[in-house]
C-alpha atoms as a PDB file:
ATOM      1  CA  MET A   1    -229.541  -2.472  29.824  1.00  0.00           C
ATOM      2  CA  VAL A   2    -228.941  -4.738  26.830  1.00  0.00           C
ATOM      3  CA  THR A   3    -228.750  -1.782  24.436  1.00  0.00           C
ATOM      4  CA  LYS A   4    -226.066  -0.060  26.512  1.00  0.00           C
ATOM      5  CA  ARG A   5    -223.970  -3.230  26.468  1.00  0.00           C
ATOM      6  CA  ALA A   6    -224.424  -3.548  22.699  1.00  0.00           C
ATOM      7  CA  VAL A   7    -223.198   0.045  22.269  1.00  0.00           C
ATOM      8  CA  ASP A   8    -220.238  -0.677  24.569  1.00  0.00           C
ATOM      9  CA  VAL A   9    -219.190  -3.792  22.649  1.00  0.00           C
ATOM     10  CA  SER A  10    -219.618  -2.185  19.215  1.00  0.00           C
ATOM     11  CA  ALA A  11    -217.871   1.058  20.154  1.00  0.00           C
ATOM     12  CA  SER A  12    -214.959  -0.660  21.928  1.00  0.00           C
ATOM     13  CA  LEU A  13    -214.392  -3.032  19.001  1.00  0.00           C
ATOM     14  CA  ILE A  14    -214.464  -0.168  16.494  1.00  0.00           C
ATOM     15  CA  GLY A  15    -212.308   2.004  18.747  1.00  0.00           C
ATOM     16  CA  LEU A  16    -209.663  -0.684  19.235  1.00  0.00           C
ATOM     17  CA  ALA A  17    -209.565  -1.376  15.491  1.00  0.00           C
ATOM     18  CA  LEU A  18    -209.382   2.270  14.396  1.00  0.00           C
ATOM     19  CA  LEU A  19    -206.968   3.302  17.129  1.00  0.00           C
ATOM     20  CA  SER A  20    -204.645   0.297  16.813  1.00  0.00           C
ATOM     21  CA  PRO A  21    -201.866   2.290  15.035  1.00  0.00           C
ATOM     22  CA  LEU A  22    -201.991   4.920  17.811  1.00  0.00           C
ATOM     23  CA  LEU A  23    -202.046   2.240  20.523  1.00  0.00           C
ATOM     24  CA  VAL A  24    -198.949   0.573  19.056  1.00  0.00           C
ATOM     25  CA  ALA A  25    -197.143   3.930  18.689  1.00  0.00           C
ATOM     26  CA  VAL A  26    -197.950   4.899  22.291  1.00  0.00           C
ATOM     27  CA  ALA A  27    -196.798   1.503  23.582  1.00  0.00           C
ATOM     28  CA  VAL A  28    -193.469   1.954  21.776  1.00  0.00           C
ATOM     29  CA  ALA A  29    -193.099   5.520  23.107  1.00  0.00           C
ATOM     30  CA  VAL A  30    -193.741   4.348  26.681  1.00  0.00           C
ATOM     31  CA  LYS A  31    -191.158   1.565  26.346  1.00  0.00           C
ATOM     32  CA  LEU A  32    -188.537   3.903  24.836  1.00  0.00           C
ATOM     33  CA  ASP A  33    -189.104   6.596  27.457  1.00  0.00           C
ATOM     34  CA  SER A  34    -188.448   4.445  30.526  1.00  0.00           C
ATOM     35  CA  PRO A  35    -187.816   0.789  31.443  1.00  0.00           C
ATOM     36  CA  GLY A  36    -190.825  -1.384  32.199  1.00  0.00           C
ATOM     37  CA  PRO A  37    -194.001  -2.647  30.530  1.00  0.00           C
ATOM     38  CA  ALA A  38    -196.082  -0.439  28.248  1.00  0.00           C
ATOM     39  CA  LEU A  39    -199.265  -1.264  30.131  1.00  0.00           C
ATOM     40  CA  PHE A  40    -200.066  -0.651  33.773  1.00  0.00           C
ATOM     41  CA  ARG A  41    -202.530  -3.048  35.425  1.00  0.00           C
ATOM     42  CA  HIS A  42    -204.182  -1.988  38.646  1.00  0.00           C
ATOM     43  CA  GLU A  43    -206.828  -3.773  40.693  1.00  0.00           C
ATOM     44  CA  ARG A  44    -210.140  -1.926  40.909  1.00  0.00           C
ATOM     45  CA  ILE A  45    -213.589  -2.799  42.196  1.00  0.00           C
ATOM     46  CA  GLY A  46    -216.281  -3.284  39.585  1.00  0.00           C
ATOM     47  CA  ARG A  47    -219.977  -4.050  39.392  1.00  0.00           C
ATOM     48  CA  GLY A  48    -221.149  -6.254  42.234  1.00  0.00           C
ATOM     49  CA  ARG A  49    -217.836  -5.559  44.035  1.00  0.00           C
ATOM     50  CA  ARG A  50    -216.042  -7.882  41.645  1.00  0.00           C
ATOM     51  CA  LYS A  51    -212.322  -7.149  41.385  1.00  0.00           C
ATOM     52  CA  PHE A  52    -210.773  -6.639  37.963  1.00  0.00           C
ATOM     53  CA  LEU A  53    -207.512  -5.365  36.473  1.00  0.00           C
ATOM     54  CA  LEU A  54    -207.930  -1.909  34.973  1.00  0.00           C
ATOM     55  CA  LEU A  55    -205.590  -1.253  32.045  1.00  0.00           C
ATOM     56  CA  LYS A  56    -203.766   1.990  31.314  1.00  0.00           C
ATOM     57  CA  PHE A  57    -200.664   2.956  29.428  1.00  0.00           C
ATOM     58  CA  ARG A  58    -197.926   3.214  32.042  1.00  0.00           C
ATOM     59  CA  SER A  59    -197.319   6.878  32.824  1.00  0.00           C
ATOM     60  CA  MET A  60    -195.056   6.464  35.855  1.00  0.00           C
ATOM     61  CA  THR A  61    -191.655   4.922  36.389  1.00  0.00           C
ATOM     62  CA  HIS A  62    -191.935   1.150  36.671  1.00  0.00           C
ATOM     63  CA  GLY A  63    -192.415  -0.008  40.263  1.00  0.00           C
ATOM     64  CA  ALA A  64    -193.140   3.514  41.524  1.00  0.00           C
ATOM     65  CA  SER A  65    -194.592   3.578  45.011  1.00  0.00           C
ATOM     66  CA  GLY A  66    -196.048   6.317  47.148  1.00  0.00           C
ATOM     67  CA  ARG A  67    -199.430   7.932  47.652  1.00  0.00           C
ATOM     68  CA  ASP A  68    -202.558   6.562  45.972  1.00  0.00           C
ATOM     69  CA  VAL A  69    -203.419   9.900  44.377  1.00  0.00           C
ATOM     70  CA  THR A  70    -201.299  11.718  41.813  1.00  0.00           C
ATOM     71  CA  VAL A  71    -200.627  15.437  41.929  1.00  0.00           C
ATOM     72  CA  ALA A  72    -199.393  17.817  39.240  1.00  0.00           C
ATOM     73  CA  GLY A  73    -195.604  17.738  39.082  1.00  0.00           C
ATOM     74  CA  ASP A  74    -195.399  14.256  40.656  1.00  0.00           C
ATOM     75  CA  ALA A  75    -191.801  13.069  40.185  1.00  0.00           C
ATOM     76  CA  ARG A  76    -193.012   9.514  39.504  1.00  0.00           C
ATOM     77  CA  VAL A  77    -194.615  10.564  36.191  1.00  0.00           C
ATOM     78  CA  THR A  78    -192.413  10.060  33.115  1.00  0.00           C
ATOM     79  CA  ARG A  79    -191.958  12.560  30.255  1.00  0.00           C
ATOM     80  CA  VAL A  80    -194.244  10.582  27.936  1.00  0.00           C
ATOM     81  CA  GLY A  81    -196.534   9.944  30.895  1.00  0.00           C
ATOM     82  CA  ARG A  82    -197.162  13.672  31.360  1.00  0.00           C
ATOM     83  CA  LEU A  83    -198.437  13.937  27.779  1.00  0.00           C
ATOM     84  CA  LEU A  84    -200.512  10.764  28.076  1.00  0.00           C
ATOM     85  CA  ARG A  85    -202.171  11.948  31.288  1.00  0.00           C
ATOM     86  CA  ARG A  86    -202.850  15.451  29.975  1.00  0.00           C
ATOM     87  CA  THR A  87    -204.510  14.128  26.797  1.00  0.00           C
ATOM     88  CA  LYS A  88    -206.114  11.130  28.571  1.00  0.00           C
ATOM     89  CA  ILE A  89    -204.519   8.816  25.997  1.00  0.00           C
ATOM     90  CA  ASP A  90    -203.321   6.702  28.935  1.00  0.00           C
ATOM     91  CA  GLU A  91    -206.963   5.612  29.397  1.00  0.00           C
ATOM     92  CA  LEU A  92    -207.399   4.136  25.888  1.00  0.00           C
ATOM     93  CA  PRO A  93    -206.469   0.543  26.871  1.00  0.00           C
ATOM     94  CA  GLN A  94    -209.652   0.550  28.957  1.00  0.00           C
ATOM     95  CA  LEU A  95    -211.500  -0.037  25.686  1.00  0.00           C
ATOM     96  CA  TRP A  96    -210.382  -3.645  26.258  1.00  0.00           C
ATOM     97  CA  ASN A  97    -211.927  -3.548  29.755  1.00  0.00           C
ATOM     98  CA  VAL A  98    -215.149  -2.370  28.095  1.00  0.00           C
ATOM     99  CA  LEU A  99    -215.035  -5.092  25.445  1.00  0.00           C
ATOM    100  CA  VAL A 100    -214.630  -7.914  27.984  1.00  0.00           C
ATOM    101  CA  GLY A 101    -217.371  -6.545  30.241  1.00  0.00           C
ATOM    102  CA  ASP A 102    -215.402  -5.180  33.196  1.00  0.00           C
ATOM    103  CA  MET A 103    -216.342  -1.611  32.315  1.00  0.00           C
ATOM    104  CA  SER A 104    -218.670   0.531  30.232  1.00  0.00           C
ATOM    105  CA  LEU A 105    -217.863   3.553  28.085  1.00  0.00           C
ATOM    106  CA  VAL A 106    -219.826   5.711  30.542  1.00  0.00           C
ATOM    107  CA  GLY A 107    -220.304   5.054  34.244  1.00  0.00           C
ATOM    108  CA  PRO A 108    -218.843   5.938  37.635  1.00  0.00           C
ATOM    109  CA  ARG A 109    -215.047   5.731  37.526  1.00  0.00           C
ATOM    110  CA  PRO A 110    -213.708   2.564  39.189  1.00  0.00           C
ATOM    111  CA  GLU A 111    -211.932   2.975  42.512  1.00  0.00           C
ATOM    112  CA  VAL A 112    -209.433   0.975  44.508  1.00  0.00           C
ATOM    113  CA  ASP A 113    -210.682  -1.236  47.327  1.00  0.00           C
ATOM    114  CA  ARG A 114    -209.456   1.147  50.045  1.00  0.00           C
ATOM    115  CA  TYR A 115    -211.773   3.960  48.929  1.00  0.00           C
ATOM    116  CA  VAL A 116    -214.696   1.632  48.224  1.00  0.00           C
ATOM    117  CA  ARG A 117    -214.477   0.332  51.808  1.00  0.00           C
ATOM    118  CA  MET A 118    -214.145   3.873  53.149  1.00  0.00           C
ATOM    119  CA  PHE A 119    -217.463   4.845  51.492  1.00  0.00           C
ATOM    120  CA  ALA A 120    -219.051   1.396  51.632  1.00  0.00           C
ATOM    121  CA  SER A 121    -222.717   2.432  51.853  1.00  0.00           C
ATOM    122  CA  ASP A 122    -222.381   4.788  48.870  1.00  0.00           C
ATOM    123  CA  TYR A 123    -220.668   2.123  46.807  1.00  0.00           C
ATOM    124  CA  ASP A 124    -223.426  -0.377  47.575  1.00  0.00           C
ATOM    125  CA  ASP A 125    -225.515   1.679  45.125  1.00  0.00           C
ATOM    126  CA  ILE A 126    -222.749   2.815  42.772  1.00  0.00           C
ATOM    127  CA  LEU A 127    -221.462  -0.708  42.146  1.00  0.00           C
ATOM    128  CA  GLN A 128    -224.813  -1.874  40.831  1.00  0.00           C
ATOM    129  CA  VAL A 129    -223.596  -0.635  37.429  1.00  0.00           C
ATOM    130  CA  ARG A 130    -220.409  -1.200  35.463  1.00  0.00           C
ATOM    131  CA  PRO A 131    -217.756   1.452  36.088  1.00  0.00           C
ATOM    132  CA  GLY A 132    -216.933   3.618  33.099  1.00  0.00           C
ATOM    133  CA  ILE A 133    -214.059   5.173  31.189  1.00  0.00           C
ATOM    134  CA  THR A 134    -215.738   8.547  31.590  1.00  0.00           C
ATOM    135  CA  ASP A 135    -218.536  10.145  33.567  1.00  0.00           C
ATOM    136  CA  LEU A 136    -219.665  13.461  35.017  1.00  0.00           C
ATOM    137  CA  ALA A 137    -216.933  13.358  37.679  1.00  0.00           C
ATOM    138  CA  ALA A 138    -214.187  12.698  35.110  1.00  0.00           C
ATOM    139  CA  ILE A 139    -215.274  15.860  33.295  1.00  0.00           C
ATOM    140  CA  GLU A 140    -215.729  17.963  36.421  1.00  0.00           C
ATOM    141  CA  TYR A 141    -212.411  16.842  37.922  1.00  0.00           C
ATOM    142  CA  ARG A 142    -210.371  16.791  34.711  1.00  0.00           C
ATOM    143  CA  ASP A 143    -207.747  18.922  36.527  1.00  0.00           C
ATOM    144  CA  GLU A 144    -207.791  16.821  39.701  1.00  0.00           C
ATOM    145  CA  GLU A 145    -203.989  16.525  39.794  1.00  0.00           C
ATOM    146  CA  ARG A 146    -203.626  20.312  39.800  1.00  0.00           C
ATOM    147  CA  ILE A 147    -206.320  20.688  42.477  1.00  0.00           C
ATOM    148  CA  LEU A 148    -204.606  18.146  44.741  1.00  0.00           C
ATOM    149  CA  ALA A 149    -201.165  19.667  44.144  1.00  0.00           C
ATOM    150  CA  ALA A 150    -202.362  22.809  45.951  1.00  0.00           C
ATOM    151  CA  SER A 151    -203.117  20.777  49.094  1.00  0.00           C
ATOM    152  CA  ARG A 152    -200.685  20.127  51.942  1.00  0.00           C
ATOM    153  CA  ASP A 153    -202.119  16.619  52.300  1.00  0.00           C
ATOM    154  CA  PRO A 154    -203.407  15.414  48.899  1.00  0.00           C
ATOM    155  CA  ASP A 155    -204.555  12.013  50.221  1.00  0.00           C
ATOM    156  CA  ALA A 156    -206.646  13.604  52.975  1.00  0.00           C
ATOM    157  CA  GLU A 157    -207.999  16.222  50.539  1.00  0.00           C
ATOM    158  CA  TYR A 158    -209.045  13.467  48.141  1.00  0.00           C
ATOM    159  CA  CYS A 159    -210.873  11.514  50.866  1.00  0.00           C
ATOM    160  CA  ARG A 160    -212.446  14.531  52.562  1.00  0.00           C
ATOM    161  CA  ILE A 161    -213.455  16.718  49.605  1.00  0.00           C
ATOM    162  CA  VAL A 162    -212.797  15.322  46.121  1.00  0.00           C
ATOM    163  CA  LEU A 163    -214.124  11.756  46.441  1.00  0.00           C
ATOM    164  CA  PRO A 164    -217.360  12.775  48.249  1.00  0.00           C
ATOM    165  CA  ALA A 165    -217.987  15.313  45.464  1.00  0.00           C
ATOM    166  CA  LYS A 166    -217.361  12.605  42.866  1.00  0.00           C
ATOM    167  CA  ILE A 167    -219.701  10.239  44.692  1.00  0.00           C
ATOM    168  CA  ALA A 168    -222.454  12.879  44.505  1.00  0.00           C
ATOM    169  CA  LEU A 169    -221.900  13.040  40.737  1.00  0.00           C
ATOM    170  CA  TYR A 170    -221.932   9.220  40.503  1.00  0.00           C
ATOM    171  CA  ARG A 171    -225.295   9.210  42.269  1.00  0.00           C
ATOM    172  CA  ARG A 172    -226.586  11.894  39.901  1.00  0.00           C
ATOM    173  CA  TYR A 173    -225.564   9.698  36.971  1.00  0.00           C
ATOM    174  CA  LEU A 174    -227.374   6.699  38.472  1.00  0.00           C
ATOM    175  CA  ALA A 175    -230.542   8.790  38.827  1.00  0.00           C
ATOM    176  CA  GLU A 176    -230.369  10.181  35.278  1.00  0.00           C
ATOM    177  CA  ARG A 177    -228.751   7.359  33.325  1.00  0.00           C
ATOM    178  CA  SER A 178    -229.973   6.600  29.842  1.00  0.00           C
ATOM    179  CA  LEU A 179    -228.382   6.152  26.426  1.00  0.00           C
ATOM    180  CA  ARG A 180    -229.062   9.830  25.742  1.00  0.00           C
ATOM    181  CA  THR A 181    -227.253  10.811  28.965  1.00  0.00           C
ATOM    182  CA  ASP A 182    -224.320   8.573  27.975  1.00  0.00           C
ATOM    183  CA  PHE A 183    -224.014  10.219  24.546  1.00  0.00           C
ATOM    184  CA  VAL A 184    -224.129  13.690  26.139  1.00  0.00           C
ATOM    185  CA  ILE A 185    -221.361  12.699  28.584  1.00  0.00           C
ATOM    186  CA  LEU A 186    -219.251  11.243  25.755  1.00  0.00           C
ATOM    187  CA  ALA A 187    -219.670  14.466  23.747  1.00  0.00           C
ATOM    188  CA  ARG A 188    -218.723  16.592  26.784  1.00  0.00           C
ATOM    189  CA  THR A 189    -215.691  14.358  27.405  1.00  0.00           C
ATOM    190  CA  PHE A 190    -214.378  14.817  23.857  1.00  0.00           C
ATOM    191  CA  ALA A 191    -214.981  18.571  24.112  1.00  0.00           C
ATOM    192  CA  ALA A 192    -213.044  18.723  27.411  1.00  0.00           C
ATOM    193  CA  ILE A 193    -210.114  16.772  25.918  1.00  0.00           C
ATOM    194  CA  LEU A 194    -209.936  19.016  22.851  1.00  0.00           C
ATOM    195  CA  ARG A 195    -210.112  22.205  24.926  1.00  0.00           C
END
């Protein structure tokens, strides 16, 4: 969809320009809060199964290891990181991913290779489109960390219940996608953040 790409490029350029003071302030806050880079780069699988580096503001201690999923109260998350994750400000650097064509404003959230391989047949369809900063699943599972924190085995819970539910929502998006759908999802995302 040429029009969708034009919207992505225009919106990401405008967003990066308008939000540049906030982006600089957040980068400084991240650096002052804990040692390490301001940005976190993580390999994800994009359209056509092409790997790319997803950008986020770093919200965990530098070099943190452990489970792939994050739960509420995770000790790896920094003080500034808690605020960034709650407000979703940590996702703003993905406007660059949108600008360069790795992602779209709206589309199925990008996953790590492990989960893509685990649900390979589903992702054959899902990865026909660019992954997005937001989508139906991002809205529905806004409190995913809290949901997983209630589980004895968050990784298993994510694979068994949460990710299949997200995949169903990704498929729904693929069936209903249009510019109108994208604008509705963007509006619902902003409403969820402001709630």
